[in-house]
Amino acid sequence: MKYPCLVPKSLCKTKIHVHLESEETNNLGEPKYKAELDLKCNFQDRSKTILTAEKKLVQITGTAMFPGDIAPDFPTLSGGTVTIFGEERRIEQGTKNRNPDGTVNFCTLEVI
């Protein structure tokens, strides 16, 4: 059975550069897998206000959604950076959203 893509390519118009690093390390302590990807995504910004004892801090976060599996060699999307709108942001969390048959429908990167 073919499942519909929940993030269609027609809605992915924002250019993004993704630098992924795997959690696994080689014998030198470096990430076992690295990837540099220039893609288009559907990006949604949001901001969160955090009140500390000294001051108020506004934290800008966002979500980048990609159709399909952007990194089939990586078992999980967990580390690295993205460059979007000229700013470099750290990947906080990555998700490979799967269909019931186990194939990847779309990927999500939460950035901060």
N, C-alpha and C. Protein backbone atom coordinates (compact mmCIF):
# COMPACT_ATOMS: atom_id res chain seq x y z
N MET A 1 0.84 -1.17 0.00
CA MET A 1 0.00 0.00 0.00
C MET A 1 0.89 1.24 0.00
N LYS A 2 0.54 2.23 -0.79
CA LYS A 2 1.28 3.49 -0.85
C LYS A 2 0.58 4.50 0.04
N TYR A 3 1.35 5.08 0.95
CA TYR A 3 0.81 6.05 1.88
C TYR A 3 1.02 7.46 1.33
N PRO A 4 0.07 8.37 1.56
CA PRO A 4 0.25 9.76 1.08
C PRO A 4 1.32 10.47 1.90
N CYS A 5 2.10 11.32 1.25
CA CYS A 5 3.12 12.11 1.94
C CYS A 5 2.41 13.23 2.70
N LEU A 6 2.66 13.33 4.00
CA LEU A 6 1.99 14.32 4.83
C LEU A 6 2.63 15.70 4.74
N VAL A 7 3.85 15.79 4.16
CA VAL A 7 4.52 17.07 3.91
C VAL A 7 4.84 17.11 2.42
N PRO A 8 3.91 17.58 1.58
CA PRO A 8 4.13 17.57 0.13
C PRO A 8 5.27 18.50 -0.29
N LYS A 9 5.98 18.09 -1.34
CA LYS A 9 7.09 18.90 -1.86
C LYS A 9 6.62 20.29 -2.29
N SER A 10 5.38 20.41 -2.72
CA SER A 10 4.87 21.70 -3.18
C SER A 10 4.80 22.74 -2.05
N LEU A 11 4.80 22.29 -0.80
CA LEU A 11 4.76 23.20 0.34
C LEU A 11 6.15 23.48 0.91
N CYS A 12 7.17 22.85 0.37
CA CYS A 12 8.55 23.01 0.85
C CYS A 12 9.28 23.98 -0.06
N LYS A 13 9.34 25.24 0.33
CA LYS A 13 9.92 26.28 -0.51
C LYS A 13 11.08 27.02 0.16
N THR A 14 11.33 26.79 1.44
CA THR A 14 12.39 27.49 2.17
C THR A 14 13.71 26.75 2.02
N LYS A 15 14.74 27.46 1.54
CA LYS A 15 16.06 26.85 1.38
C LYS A 15 16.72 26.70 2.74
N ILE A 16 17.36 25.54 2.95
CA ILE A 16 18.01 25.25 4.22
C ILE A 16 19.26 24.41 3.96
N HIS A 17 20.31 24.69 4.72
CA HIS A 17 21.52 23.87 4.67
C HIS A 17 21.58 23.08 5.97
N VAL A 18 21.67 21.76 5.87
CA VAL A 18 21.65 20.89 7.04
C VAL A 18 23.01 20.20 7.18
N HIS A 19 23.60 20.30 8.36
CA HIS A 19 24.83 19.58 8.70
C HIS A 19 24.45 18.58 9.79
N LEU A 20 24.45 17.29 9.44
CA LEU A 20 24.07 16.24 10.38
C LEU A 20 25.30 15.51 10.88
N GLU A 21 25.28 15.12 12.15
CA GLU A 21 26.32 14.29 12.74
C GLU A 21 25.64 13.18 13.53
N SER A 22 26.16 11.97 13.40
CA SER A 22 25.56 10.84 14.12
C SER A 22 26.05 10.80 15.56
N GLU A 23 25.29 10.11 16.39
CA GLU A 23 25.70 9.92 17.79
C GLU A 23 26.84 8.92 17.89
N GLU A 24 26.89 7.96 16.96
CA GLU A 24 27.95 6.97 16.98
C GLU A 24 29.29 7.62 16.65
N THR A 25 30.35 7.18 17.34
CA THR A 25 31.67 7.73 17.08
C THR A 25 32.61 6.64 16.58
N ASN A 26 33.63 7.09 15.83
CA ASN A 26 34.64 6.14 15.37
C ASN A 26 35.73 6.02 16.43
N ASN A 27 36.82 5.33 16.11
CA ASN A 27 37.87 5.11 17.11
C ASN A 27 38.65 6.38 17.46
N LEU A 28 38.45 7.46 16.71
CA LEU A 28 39.10 8.74 17.00
C LEU A 28 38.20 9.67 17.81
N GLY A 29 36.99 9.24 18.12
CA GLY A 29 36.07 10.05 18.89
C GLY A 29 35.26 11.03 18.05
N GLU A 30 35.38 10.94 16.72
CA GLU A 30 34.62 11.82 15.82
C GLU A 30 33.32 11.13 15.43
N PRO A 31 32.31 11.90 15.02
CA PRO A 31 31.06 11.26 14.58
C PRO A 31 31.32 10.28 13.43
N LYS A 32 30.69 9.12 13.52
CA LYS A 32 30.88 8.07 12.51
C LYS A 32 30.32 8.48 11.16
N TYR A 33 29.15 9.13 11.17
CA TYR A 33 28.52 9.59 9.94
C TYR A 33 28.35 11.11 9.98
N LYS A 34 28.64 11.75 8.85
CA LYS A 34 28.41 13.19 8.70
C LYS A 34 27.73 13.39 7.36
N ALA A 35 26.90 14.41 7.28
CA ALA A 35 26.23 14.71 6.01
C ALA A 35 26.04 16.22 5.89
N GLU A 36 26.29 16.73 4.71
CA GLU A 36 26.02 18.14 4.37
C GLU A 36 24.94 18.12 3.30
N LEU A 37 23.78 18.70 3.58
CA LEU A 37 22.64 18.64 2.67
C LEU A 37 22.10 20.04 2.40
N ASP A 38 21.85 20.34 1.13
CA ASP A 38 21.15 21.57 0.74
C ASP A 38 19.77 21.14 0.27
N LEU A 39 18.75 21.51 1.03
CA LEU A 39 17.39 21.04 0.79
C LEU A 39 16.41 22.21 0.80
N LYS A 40 15.15 21.87 0.54
CA LYS A 40 14.04 22.80 0.71
C LYS A 40 13.10 22.18 1.74
N CYS A 41 12.55 23.03 2.60
CA CYS A 41 11.71 22.52 3.68
C CYS A 41 10.51 23.43 3.90
N ASN A 42 9.61 22.97 4.74
CA ASN A 42 8.52 23.80 5.26
C ASN A 42 8.98 24.18 6.65
N PHE A 43 9.26 25.48 6.87
CA PHE A 43 9.82 25.94 8.14
C PHE A 43 8.82 26.80 8.89
N GLN A 44 8.66 26.51 10.17
CA GLN A 44 7.75 27.25 11.04
C GLN A 44 8.53 27.78 12.23
N ASP A 45 8.57 29.11 12.39
CA ASP A 45 9.24 29.76 13.52
C ASP A 45 8.29 29.88 14.70
N ARG A 46 8.86 29.89 15.89
CA ARG A 46 8.09 30.22 17.09
C ARG A 46 9.07 30.76 18.13
N SER A 47 8.56 31.52 19.05
CA SER A 47 9.40 32.06 20.11
C SER A 47 8.79 31.72 21.46
N LYS A 48 9.68 31.66 22.44
CA LYS A 48 9.25 31.29 23.79
C LYS A 48 9.95 32.24 24.76
N THR A 49 9.22 32.77 25.71
CA THR A 49 9.77 33.66 26.71
C THR A 49 10.07 32.86 27.97
N ILE A 50 11.31 32.99 28.44
CA ILE A 50 11.74 32.30 29.65
C ILE A 50 12.08 33.37 30.69
N LEU A 51 11.45 33.30 31.84
CA LEU A 51 11.72 34.26 32.91
C LEU A 51 12.75 33.67 33.87
N THR A 52 13.85 34.37 34.03
CA THR A 52 14.86 33.96 35.00
C THR A 52 14.87 34.97 36.15
N ALA A 53 15.64 34.72 37.18
CA ALA A 53 15.70 35.63 38.32
C ALA A 53 16.27 36.98 37.92
N GLU A 54 17.21 37.00 36.98
CA GLU A 54 17.85 38.25 36.59
C GLU A 54 17.11 39.00 35.49
N LYS A 55 16.60 38.28 34.50
CA LYS A 55 16.02 38.97 33.35
C LYS A 55 15.06 38.06 32.59
N LYS A 56 14.47 38.64 31.57
CA LYS A 56 13.58 37.91 30.68
C LYS A 56 14.38 37.52 29.44
N LEU A 57 14.28 36.29 29.02
CA LEU A 57 15.01 35.80 27.87
C LEU A 57 14.02 35.29 26.82
N VAL A 58 14.18 35.73 25.59
CA VAL A 58 13.32 35.26 24.51
C VAL A 58 14.12 34.25 23.69
N GLN A 59 13.59 33.07 23.57
CA GLN A 59 14.27 32.00 22.85
C GLN A 59 13.52 31.74 21.54
N ILE A 60 14.24 31.82 20.42
CA ILE A 60 13.65 31.59 19.11
C ILE A 60 13.89 30.13 18.74
N THR A 61 12.84 29.44 18.43
CA THR A 61 12.94 28.05 18.00
C THR A 61 12.17 27.88 16.70
N GLY A 62 12.33 26.74 16.09
CA GLY A 62 11.61 26.49 14.85
C GLY A 62 11.57 25.02 14.52
N THR A 63 10.74 24.69 13.55
CA THR A 63 10.60 23.33 13.09
C THR A 63 10.74 23.30 11.57
N ALA A 64 11.63 22.45 11.09
CA ALA A 64 11.80 22.25 9.65
C ALA A 64 11.26 20.87 9.31
N MET A 65 10.35 20.82 8.32
CA MET A 65 9.75 19.54 7.91
C MET A 65 10.15 19.24 6.47
N PHE A 66 10.53 17.99 6.22
CA PHE A 66 11.02 17.55 4.92
C PHE A 66 10.23 16.33 4.46
N PRO A 67 9.86 16.26 3.17
CA PRO A 67 9.19 15.05 2.68
C PRO A 67 10.19 13.91 2.55
N GLY A 68 9.79 12.72 2.92
CA GLY A 68 10.65 11.54 2.78
C GLY A 68 11.75 11.50 3.83
N ASP A 69 12.72 10.62 3.58
CA ASP A 69 13.85 10.41 4.50
C ASP A 69 15.04 11.21 3.99
N ILE A 70 15.47 12.24 4.72
CA ILE A 70 16.57 13.09 4.26
C ILE A 70 17.93 12.43 4.46
N ALA A 71 18.03 11.47 5.38
CA ALA A 71 19.30 10.81 5.66
C ALA A 71 19.07 9.32 5.91
N PRO A 72 18.93 8.53 4.84
CA PRO A 72 18.65 7.11 5.03
C PRO A 72 19.78 6.34 5.71
N ASP A 73 21.03 6.85 5.66
CA ASP A 73 22.15 6.18 6.31
C ASP A 73 22.16 6.38 7.82
N PHE A 74 21.44 7.38 8.31
CA PHE A 74 21.42 7.68 9.74
C PHE A 74 20.25 6.96 10.39
N PRO A 75 20.50 6.20 11.47
CA PRO A 75 19.37 5.56 12.15
C PRO A 75 18.47 6.57 12.86
N THR A 76 19.07 7.66 13.38
CA THR A 76 18.30 8.72 14.03
C THR A 76 18.87 10.08 13.61
N LEU A 77 18.05 11.11 13.73
CA LEU A 77 18.48 12.48 13.45
C LEU A 77 18.59 13.17 14.79
N SER A 78 19.82 13.33 15.28
CA SER A 78 19.93 13.84 16.64
C SER A 78 20.89 15.00 16.82
N GLY A 79 21.85 15.17 15.95
CA GLY A 79 22.83 16.22 16.19
C GLY A 79 23.24 16.94 14.94
N GLY A 80 23.72 18.16 15.13
CA GLY A 80 24.21 18.95 14.01
C GLY A 80 23.65 20.36 14.05
N THR A 81 23.74 21.02 12.90
CA THR A 81 23.27 22.39 12.79
C THR A 81 22.52 22.57 11.48
N VAL A 82 21.74 23.65 11.40
CA VAL A 82 21.10 24.06 10.15
C VAL A 82 21.40 25.54 9.95
N THR A 83 21.47 25.94 8.70
CA THR A 83 21.60 27.35 8.37
C THR A 83 20.36 27.73 7.58
N ILE A 84 19.57 28.64 8.16
CA ILE A 84 18.33 29.06 7.53
C ILE A 84 18.17 30.57 7.72
N PHE A 85 17.76 31.26 6.69
CA PHE A 85 17.62 32.71 6.70
C PHE A 85 18.92 33.40 7.15
N GLY A 86 20.07 32.79 6.79
CA GLY A 86 21.37 33.36 7.11
C GLY A 86 21.84 33.15 8.54
N GLU A 87 21.07 32.42 9.34
CA GLU A 87 21.41 32.16 10.74
C GLU A 87 21.71 30.68 10.93
N GLU A 88 22.73 30.40 11.73
CA GLU A 88 23.02 29.01 12.06
C GLU A 88 22.33 28.67 13.37
N ARG A 89 21.61 27.55 13.36
CA ARG A 89 20.88 27.10 14.55
C ARG A 89 21.26 25.66 14.86
N ARG A 90 21.19 25.31 16.12
CA ARG A 90 21.54 23.97 16.57
C ARG A 90 20.31 23.06 16.51
N ILE A 91 20.52 21.82 16.07
CA ILE A 91 19.42 20.85 16.05
C ILE A 91 19.22 20.33 17.47
N GLU A 92 18.04 20.56 17.99
CA GLU A 92 17.69 20.13 19.34
C GLU A 92 17.12 18.71 19.33
N GLN A 93 16.31 18.41 18.30
CA GLN A 93 15.64 17.12 18.22
C GLN A 93 15.31 16.82 16.77
N GLY A 94 15.44 15.59 16.38
CA GLY A 94 15.07 15.17 15.04
C GLY A 94 14.15 13.97 15.10
N THR A 95 13.24 13.89 14.14
CA THR A 95 12.27 12.80 14.13
C THR A 95 12.12 12.27 12.71
N LYS A 96 12.12 10.95 12.58
CA LYS A 96 11.74 10.30 11.33
C LYS A 96 10.33 9.76 11.56
N ASN A 97 9.35 10.43 10.98
CA ASN A 97 7.95 10.05 11.16
C ASN A 97 7.62 8.94 10.17
N ARG A 98 7.20 7.81 10.70
CA ARG A 98 7.05 6.60 9.89
C ARG A 98 5.60 6.25 9.57
N ASN A 99 5.46 5.55 8.45
CA ASN A 99 4.18 4.97 8.05
C ASN A 99 3.98 3.67 8.83
N PRO A 100 2.78 3.10 8.83
CA PRO A 100 2.55 1.84 9.54
C PRO A 100 3.43 0.68 9.04
N ASP A 101 3.90 0.75 7.78
CA ASP A 101 4.75 -0.32 7.27
C ASP A 101 6.23 -0.12 7.59
N GLY A 102 6.59 0.97 8.28
CA GLY A 102 7.96 1.20 8.69
C GLY A 102 8.75 2.15 7.81
N THR A 103 8.23 2.51 6.65
CA THR A 103 8.93 3.46 5.78
C THR A 103 8.77 4.88 6.35
N VAL A 104 9.72 5.76 6.01
CA VAL A 104 9.69 7.13 6.52
C VAL A 104 8.80 7.98 5.65
N ASN A 105 7.81 8.63 6.25
CA ASN A 105 6.89 9.51 5.51
C ASN A 105 7.49 10.90 5.41
N PHE A 106 7.94 11.45 6.54
CA PHE A 106 8.59 12.78 6.52
C PHE A 106 9.51 12.89 7.72
N CYS A 107 10.45 13.84 7.64
CA CYS A 107 11.40 14.09 8.73
C CYS A 107 11.14 15.48 9.30
N THR A 108 11.39 15.60 10.60
CA THR A 108 11.22 16.87 11.30
C THR A 108 12.48 17.17 12.09
N LEU A 109 12.97 18.41 11.97
CA LEU A 109 14.10 18.86 12.78
C LEU A 109 13.64 20.05 13.63
N GLU A 110 13.78 19.91 14.95
CA GLU A 110 13.49 21.01 15.88
C GLU A 110 14.80 21.72 16.12
N VAL A 111 14.82 23.04 15.85
CA VAL A 111 16.07 23.81 15.98
C VAL A 111 15.90 24.93 17.00
N ILE A 112 17.03 25.35 17.55
CA ILE A 112 17.02 26.40 18.56
C ILE A 112 18.16 27.36 18.30
